[in-house]
């Protein structure tokens, strides 16, 4: 919106030419989202407390979490709002990738909101059942995947599959890209949701991943950098950098209030929307396989649940971990919550740095 208003003014004063640059608008989008979070979060917390919209705690979870009962939840509504508003202000709204990312965030956010709202109305820790949640996630993912494949058939999205270290082999998937998109979107949204169990853990890891993806989107959309680093250039991805920057700013702002002891939780509305959006950005810039590195801790959290459930069924009740997801295992081992969170952040940073390092190893 401001992009269309300010850039034409360069004819009258050269200063306004700076708003043409992706880097400037990405920084402004991130700062705007951060300021929005700082301004509206205290108001939102008071509103949630007034209406007694708080977190319900699972009885089978660690006993130390019982003290968190009643903490305001659904903070993800603000993350979505800050990201979307900042993108609308500083992004080039003629770019279809920006709209796809926005639609993905809102669609997955609606699923999470329904889950959180049911928890609030029923006063229980279970909202949508696992089956219901998966059905809605697949429907949202299918809508996005179908749109993306149709866009690809019109030449605005590459339907070839690319691999980080194999530049010669890029198989064309066509309509077979659809199930691959479904897998990435559903998997990434659930992975972030499973990691949302400790104060600041999921949002901190999302911040790290979104910053890494901001760099990757810029490189993928830059003619010189993409050629120098020998990665597939995605011209439309350049504008997606503004969206990724806005999401990073919103995550940073929310972390201010979500760090231990958390004043507010983001709920499923935040976890599902952020996870699905991370997955879609990776798909749009043709770096789906790098997502496994960028979001490495999320993958480990999801795998810990998969292994725990599978082994429990196969062994007749035995467990690999004391509790899954993985962060609960370390809690029960005796690590303080803050230590678990910070050490997982460190591992997340290592994963993100590794993903960026691979750009030069092609």
Protein backbone atom coordinates (compact mmCIF):
# COMPACT_ATOMS: atom_id res chain seq x y z
CA UNK A 1 0.00 0.00 0.00
CA UNK A 2 2.67 2.53 1.04
CA UNK A 3 4.85 1.07 -1.73
CA UNK A 4 2.38 2.35 -4.32
CA UNK A 5 1.99 5.70 -2.55
CA UNK A 6 5.63 6.50 -1.82
CA UNK A 7 7.57 5.17 -4.82
CA UNK A 8 5.85 7.48 -7.38
CA UNK A 9 6.95 10.45 -5.25
CA UNK A 10 10.56 9.84 -6.34
CA UNK A 11 9.77 12.05 -9.33
CA UNK A 12 9.51 14.97 -6.91
CA UNK A 13 12.20 14.04 -4.37
CA UNK A 14 14.90 11.43 -4.94
CA UNK A 15 14.68 10.29 -1.28
CA UNK A 16 11.50 8.31 -2.01
CA UNK A 17 13.49 6.12 -4.38
CA UNK A 18 14.71 4.13 -1.35
CA UNK A 19 11.26 2.55 -1.01
CA UNK A 20 11.87 0.66 -4.24
CA UNK A 21 14.49 -1.47 -2.52
CA UNK A 22 13.49 -4.82 -1.02
CA UNK A 23 15.99 -4.49 1.84
CA UNK A 24 14.58 -1.14 2.99
CA UNK A 25 10.97 -2.29 2.90
CA UNK A 26 11.86 -5.58 4.60
CA UNK A 27 13.48 -3.71 7.47
CA UNK A 28 10.53 -1.32 7.71
CA UNK A 29 8.05 -4.21 7.66
CA UNK A 30 9.93 -5.94 10.48
CA UNK A 31 10.10 -2.76 12.57
CA UNK A 32 6.42 -2.00 11.94
CA UNK A 33 5.37 -5.51 13.00
CA UNK A 34 7.56 -5.23 16.11
CA UNK A 35 6.03 -1.89 17.11
CA UNK A 36 2.51 -3.19 16.52
CA UNK A 37 3.23 -6.11 18.84
CA UNK A 38 4.66 -3.83 21.54
CA UNK A 39 1.60 -1.55 21.37
CA UNK A 40 -1.28 -4.02 21.12
CA UNK A 41 -0.03 -6.98 23.17
CA UNK A 42 -0.53 -5.38 26.62
CA UNK A 43 -4.04 -4.32 25.54
CA UNK A 44 -4.78 -7.80 24.21
CA UNK A 45 -3.56 -9.43 27.43
CA UNK A 46 -5.88 -7.23 29.51
CA UNK A 47 -8.77 -8.07 27.19
CA UNK A 48 -8.13 -11.81 27.49
CA UNK A 49 -7.89 -11.59 31.28
CA UNK A 50 -11.15 -9.63 31.42
CA UNK A 51 -12.97 -12.37 29.52
CA UNK A 52 -11.02 -15.15 31.32
CA UNK A 53 -9.62 -16.60 28.09
CA UNK A 54 -6.72 -18.61 29.43
CA UNK A 55 -4.69 -21.73 28.84
CA UNK A 56 -6.00 -25.11 29.93
CA UNK A 57 -3.27 -27.56 31.03
CA UNK A 58 -3.12 -31.27 30.16
CA UNK A 59 -3.37 -33.43 33.25
CA UNK A 60 -0.81 -35.89 31.88
CA UNK A 61 1.76 -33.13 31.34
CA UNK A 62 4.58 -32.18 33.73
CA UNK A 63 3.24 -31.10 37.11
CA UNK A 64 5.28 -27.88 36.96
CA UNK A 65 2.98 -26.68 34.18
CA UNK A 66 -0.11 -26.60 36.40
CA UNK A 67 0.88 -23.13 37.61
CA UNK A 68 0.45 -21.86 34.03
CA UNK A 69 -3.26 -22.58 34.00
CA UNK A 70 -5.24 -19.48 33.17
CA UNK A 71 -2.40 -17.66 31.39
CA UNK A 72 -3.93 -15.68 28.49
CA UNK A 73 -3.77 -17.58 25.21
CA UNK A 74 -4.61 -17.00 21.50
CA UNK A 75 -1.71 -14.55 21.17
CA UNK A 76 -1.18 -15.89 17.67
CA UNK A 77 -4.04 -13.61 16.56
CA UNK A 78 -1.73 -10.67 17.14
CA UNK A 79 1.19 -12.31 15.31
CA UNK A 80 -1.01 -12.87 12.27
CA UNK A 81 -2.42 -9.35 12.46
CA UNK A 82 0.96 -7.65 12.83
CA UNK A 83 2.46 -9.68 9.98
CA UNK A 84 -0.44 -9.07 7.59
CA UNK A 85 -0.78 -5.35 8.36
CA UNK A 86 2.97 -4.75 7.97
CA UNK A 87 3.02 -6.67 4.70
CA UNK A 88 0.05 -4.71 3.37
CA UNK A 89 1.81 -1.47 4.26
CA UNK A 90 5.26 -2.19 2.83
CA UNK A 91 4.82 -4.99 0.30
CA UNK A 92 4.12 -4.84 -3.42
CA UNK A 93 0.59 -6.19 -3.39
CA UNK A 94 0.67 -7.13 -7.07
CA UNK A 95 2.94 -10.05 -6.17
CA UNK A 96 1.02 -13.35 -6.03
CA UNK A 97 3.54 -14.97 -3.66
CA UNK A 98 2.77 -12.35 -1.02
CA UNK A 99 -0.94 -13.16 -1.25
CA UNK A 100 -0.31 -16.91 -1.12
CA UNK A 101 1.78 -16.53 2.04
CA UNK A 102 -0.86 -14.28 3.59
CA UNK A 103 -3.65 -16.70 2.70
CA UNK A 104 -1.70 -19.62 4.16
CA UNK A 105 -1.14 -17.80 7.44
CA UNK A 106 -4.82 -16.88 7.75
CA UNK A 107 -6.17 -20.32 6.74
CA UNK A 108 -4.02 -22.23 9.22
CA UNK A 109 -4.70 -19.52 11.79
CA UNK A 110 -8.44 -20.10 11.45
CA UNK A 111 -7.95 -23.81 12.18
CA UNK A 112 -5.91 -22.98 15.25
CA UNK A 113 -8.45 -20.36 16.36
CA UNK A 114 -11.25 -22.93 16.15
CA UNK A 115 -9.18 -25.30 18.28
CA UNK A 116 -8.39 -22.63 20.87
CA UNK A 117 -11.97 -21.37 20.96
CA UNK A 118 -13.33 -24.86 21.67
CA UNK A 119 -10.83 -25.20 24.53
CA UNK A 120 -12.01 -21.89 25.94
CA UNK A 121 -15.74 -22.66 25.67
CA UNK A 122 -15.42 -26.22 26.99
CA UNK A 123 -12.80 -25.29 29.63
CA UNK A 124 -10.62 -28.25 28.70
CA UNK A 125 -7.15 -28.85 27.23
CA UNK A 126 -8.55 -30.61 24.15
CA UNK A 127 -10.13 -28.57 21.39
CA UNK A 128 -10.49 -30.17 17.99
CA UNK A 129 -9.73 -33.88 17.96
CA UNK A 130 -6.54 -34.98 16.22
CA UNK A 131 -8.58 -36.33 13.30
CA UNK A 132 -10.61 -33.14 12.92
CA UNK A 133 -7.50 -31.01 13.05
CA UNK A 134 -5.77 -33.12 10.39
CA UNK A 135 -8.81 -33.00 8.11
CA UNK A 136 -8.94 -29.20 8.27
CA UNK A 137 -5.17 -28.98 7.76
CA UNK A 138 -5.36 -31.18 4.68
CA UNK A 139 -8.25 -29.14 3.29
CA UNK A 140 -6.37 -25.86 3.79
CA UNK A 141 -3.19 -27.37 2.35
CA UNK A 142 -5.10 -28.79 -0.61
CA UNK A 143 -6.56 -25.37 -1.43
CA UNK A 144 -3.10 -23.79 -1.32
CA UNK A 145 -1.49 -26.67 -3.23
CA UNK A 146 -4.12 -26.60 -5.97
CA UNK A 147 -3.71 -22.85 -6.37
CA UNK A 148 0.06 -23.18 -6.50
CA UNK A 149 0.00 -25.94 -9.11
CA UNK A 150 -2.40 -23.91 -11.29
CA UNK A 151 -0.10 -20.90 -10.90
CA UNK A 152 2.79 -23.18 -11.87
CA UNK A 153 1.02 -24.37 -15.02
CA UNK A 154 0.75 -20.69 -16.00
CA UNK A 155 4.50 -20.27 -15.59
CA UNK A 156 4.58 -18.29 -12.32
CA UNK A 157 5.82 -21.16 -10.18
CA UNK A 158 8.42 -23.77 -11.09
CA UNK A 159 7.00 -27.28 -10.80
CA UNK A 160 10.46 -28.87 -10.91
CA UNK A 161 11.76 -30.36 -7.66
CA UNK A 162 15.19 -29.05 -6.66
CA UNK A 163 17.74 -30.56 -4.28
CA UNK A 164 20.37 -28.69 -2.23
CA UNK A 165 23.46 -30.46 -3.54
CA UNK A 166 22.26 -31.90 -6.86
CA UNK A 167 21.88 -29.19 -9.48
CA UNK A 168 21.75 -31.47 -12.53
CA UNK A 169 18.67 -33.48 -11.52
CA UNK A 170 15.47 -31.42 -11.23
CA UNK A 171 12.53 -33.71 -12.01
CA UNK A 172 9.34 -32.11 -13.29
CA UNK A 173 6.44 -33.09 -11.05
CA UNK A 174 3.50 -31.24 -12.57
CA UNK A 175 0.33 -32.30 -10.75
CA UNK A 176 2.42 -34.68 -8.61
CA UNK A 177 3.72 -31.57 -6.87
CA UNK A 178 0.35 -31.39 -5.10
CA UNK A 179 0.92 -34.27 -2.60
CA UNK A 180 4.43 -32.97 -1.92
CA UNK A 181 3.00 -29.57 -0.97
CA UNK A 182 0.41 -31.27 1.24
CA UNK A 183 3.15 -33.17 3.06
CA UNK A 184 5.26 -30.06 3.67
CA UNK A 185 2.42 -27.83 4.83
CA UNK A 186 0.70 -30.32 7.13
CA UNK A 187 4.01 -31.56 8.50
CA UNK A 188 5.47 -28.11 9.20
CA UNK A 189 2.29 -26.80 10.85
CA UNK A 190 2.10 -29.80 13.17
CA UNK A 191 5.82 -29.71 13.94
CA UNK A 192 5.64 -26.14 15.24
CA UNK A 193 2.48 -26.98 17.18
CA UNK A 194 4.20 -29.90 18.93
CA UNK A 195 7.11 -27.67 19.96
CA UNK A 196 4.78 -25.14 21.57
CA UNK A 197 5.02 -26.39 25.12
CA UNK A 198 7.46 -24.18 27.02
CA UNK A 199 7.62 -20.43 27.53
CA UNK A 200 9.32 -18.88 24.51
CA UNK A 201 10.36 -22.18 22.93
CA UNK A 202 8.24 -22.33 19.79
CA UNK A 203 8.20 -18.59 19.09
CA UNK A 204 11.98 -18.34 19.58
CA UNK A 205 12.60 -21.22 17.20
CA UNK A 206 10.13 -19.72 14.71
CA UNK A 207 11.98 -16.40 14.92
CA UNK A 208 15.27 -18.15 14.11
CA UNK A 209 13.70 -20.04 11.19
CA UNK A 210 11.91 -16.98 9.80
CA UNK A 211 15.11 -14.90 9.88
CA UNK A 212 16.92 -17.66 7.98
CA UNK A 213 14.06 -17.84 5.45
CA UNK A 214 14.15 -14.05 5.08
CA UNK A 215 17.77 -14.37 3.95
CA UNK A 216 16.94 -17.29 1.68
CA UNK A 217 14.03 -15.48 0.01
CA UNK A 218 16.24 -12.47 -0.67
CA UNK A 219 18.95 -14.62 -2.23
CA UNK A 220 16.47 -16.65 -4.29
CA UNK A 221 14.91 -13.48 -5.70
CA UNK A 222 18.20 -11.67 -6.40
CA UNK A 223 19.58 -12.10 -9.92
CA UNK A 224 23.25 -11.71 -8.97
CA UNK A 225 23.27 -13.56 -5.63
CA UNK A 226 21.27 -16.52 -6.94
CA UNK A 227 23.65 -16.89 -9.87
CA UNK A 228 26.74 -16.50 -7.67
CA UNK A 229 25.51 -19.10 -5.18
CA UNK A 230 24.28 -21.35 -8.00
CA UNK A 231 20.71 -21.71 -6.76
CA UNK A 232 17.51 -21.55 -8.75
CA UNK A 233 16.40 -17.95 -9.15
CA UNK A 234 12.78 -17.26 -8.24
CA UNK A 235 12.08 -13.66 -9.33
CA UNK A 236 8.73 -13.40 -7.55
CA UNK A 237 10.35 -14.52 -4.28
CA UNK A 238 12.10 -11.16 -3.91
CA UNK A 239 8.91 -9.49 -2.68
CA UNK A 240 8.27 -12.41 -0.34
CA UNK A 241 11.27 -11.14 1.64
CA UNK A 242 9.09 -8.29 2.91
CA UNK A 243 6.52 -10.76 4.23
CA UNK A 244 9.21 -12.91 5.88
CA UNK A 245 10.71 -9.79 7.47
CA UNK A 246 7.31 -8.77 8.83
CA UNK A 247 6.80 -12.24 10.30
CA UNK A 248 10.25 -12.07 11.93
CA UNK A 249 9.40 -8.73 13.52
CA UNK A 250 6.06 -10.04 14.80
CA UNK A 251 7.75 -13.11 16.30
CA UNK A 252 10.39 -10.96 18.00
CA UNK A 253 7.71 -8.71 19.46
CA UNK A 254 5.70 -11.64 20.76
CA UNK A 255 8.81 -13.22 22.32
CA UNK A 256 9.11 -10.14 24.55
CA UNK A 257 5.88 -11.16 26.28
CA UNK A 258 6.15 -14.94 25.85
CA UNK A 259 9.58 -15.46 27.45
CA UNK A 260 9.62 -17.12 30.87
CA UNK A 261 7.46 -16.52 32.82
CA UNK A 262 5.08 -16.08 29.91
CA UNK A 263 2.47 -13.33 30.11
CA UNK A 264 0.65 -14.81 27.13
CA UNK A 265 0.71 -17.95 24.97
CA UNK A 266 0.27 -17.95 21.21
CA UNK A 267 -2.02 -21.00 21.22
CA UNK A 268 -2.77 -23.18 18.22
CA UNK A 269 -3.84 -20.12 16.26
CA UNK A 270 -0.20 -19.02 16.36
CA UNK A 271 1.57 -22.37 16.14
CA UNK A 272 -0.43 -23.75 13.20
CA UNK A 273 -0.32 -20.50 11.23
CA UNK A 274 3.41 -19.98 11.71
CA UNK A 275 4.24 -23.59 10.92
CA UNK A 276 2.17 -23.66 7.75
CA UNK A 277 3.62 -20.33 6.62
CA UNK A 278 7.22 -21.45 7.15
CA UNK A 279 6.49 -24.49 5.01
CA UNK A 280 4.90 -22.45 2.23
CA UNK A 281 7.77 -19.94 2.08
CA UNK A 282 10.23 -22.83 1.68
CA UNK A 283 8.08 -24.23 -1.14
CA UNK A 284 7.78 -20.88 -2.93
CA UNK A 285 11.54 -20.30 -2.96
CA UNK A 286 12.20 -23.93 -4.02
CA UNK A 287 14.07 -24.80 -0.81
CA UNK A 288 11.77 -27.43 0.67
CA UNK A 289 14.64 -29.75 1.57
CA UNK A 290 16.51 -26.94 3.32
CA UNK A 291 13.42 -26.52 5.51
CA UNK A 292 14.47 -29.73 7.28
CA UNK A 293 17.63 -27.88 8.34
CA UNK A 294 16.10 -24.44 8.93
CA UNK A 295 13.43 -26.00 11.14
CA UNK A 296 15.64 -28.80 12.45
CA UNK A 297 14.50 -28.60 16.08
CA UNK A 298 10.85 -28.69 15.02
CA UNK A 299 11.61 -31.85 13.03
CA UNK A 300 13.28 -33.44 16.06
CA UNK A 301 10.28 -32.58 18.23
CA UNK A 302 7.89 -34.17 15.73
CA UNK A 303 10.09 -37.25 15.32
CA UNK A 304 10.24 -37.73 19.08
CA UNK A 305 6.44 -37.96 19.19
CA UNK A 306 6.34 -40.32 16.21
CA UNK A 307 9.00 -42.59 17.71
CA UNK A 308 7.42 -42.54 21.17
CA UNK A 309 3.96 -43.47 19.91
CA UNK A 310 5.25 -46.15 17.51
CA UNK A 311 7.54 -47.77 20.07
CA UNK A 312 4.83 -47.63 22.74
CA UNK A 313 2.45 -49.58 20.51
CA UNK A 314 5.03 -52.07 19.24
CA UNK A 315 6.60 -52.79 22.64
CA UNK A 316 3.36 -53.10 24.56
CA UNK A 317 3.69 -49.99 26.66
CA UNK A 318 7.43 -49.23 26.83
CA UNK A 319 8.79 -45.74 26.17
CA UNK A 320 11.90 -44.30 24.54
CA UNK A 321 11.58 -40.90 26.22
CA UNK A 322 10.16 -40.08 29.62
CA UNK A 323 7.64 -37.93 27.82
CA UNK A 324 7.18 -36.62 24.28
CA UNK A 325 7.60 -34.12 22.67
CA UNK A 326 11.32 -34.02 23.33
CA UNK A 327 11.35 -30.84 25.45
CA UNK A 328 9.20 -32.56 28.08
CA UNK A 329 11.73 -35.40 28.31
CA UNK A 330 14.47 -32.98 29.32
CA UNK A 331 12.14 -31.29 31.79
CA UNK A 332 11.53 -34.64 33.52
CA UNK A 333 15.25 -35.41 33.44
CA UNK A 334 15.68 -32.37 35.66
CA UNK A 335 16.58 -29.49 33.38
CA UNK A 336 14.93 -26.17 34.38
CA UNK A 337 12.51 -24.84 31.79
CA UNK A 338 14.73 -21.88 30.91
CA UNK A 339 17.71 -24.17 30.27
CA UNK A 340 15.68 -26.40 27.94
CA UNK A 341 14.44 -23.40 25.97
CA UNK A 342 17.80 -21.67 25.60
CA UNK A 343 19.62 -24.87 24.66
CA UNK A 344 16.96 -25.66 22.05
CA UNK A 345 17.36 -22.11 20.71
CA UNK A 346 21.12 -22.68 20.41
CA UNK A 347 20.53 -25.89 18.49
CA UNK A 348 18.02 -24.04 16.31
CA UNK A 349 20.61 -21.35 15.51
CA UNK A 350 23.13 -24.06 14.58
CA UNK A 351 20.59 -25.65 12.23
CA UNK A 352 19.79 -22.25 10.67
CA UNK A 353 23.46 -21.41 10.16
CA UNK A 354 24.04 -24.81 8.58
CA UNK A 355 21.17 -24.21 6.15
CA UNK A 356 22.71 -20.89 5.09
CA UNK A 357 26.15 -22.47 4.80
CA UNK A 358 24.84 -24.99 2.26
CA UNK A 359 24.22 -22.14 -0.17
CA UNK A 360 27.95 -21.94 -0.81
CA UNK A 361 28.45 -25.71 -0.92
CA UNK A 362 26.48 -26.27 -4.09
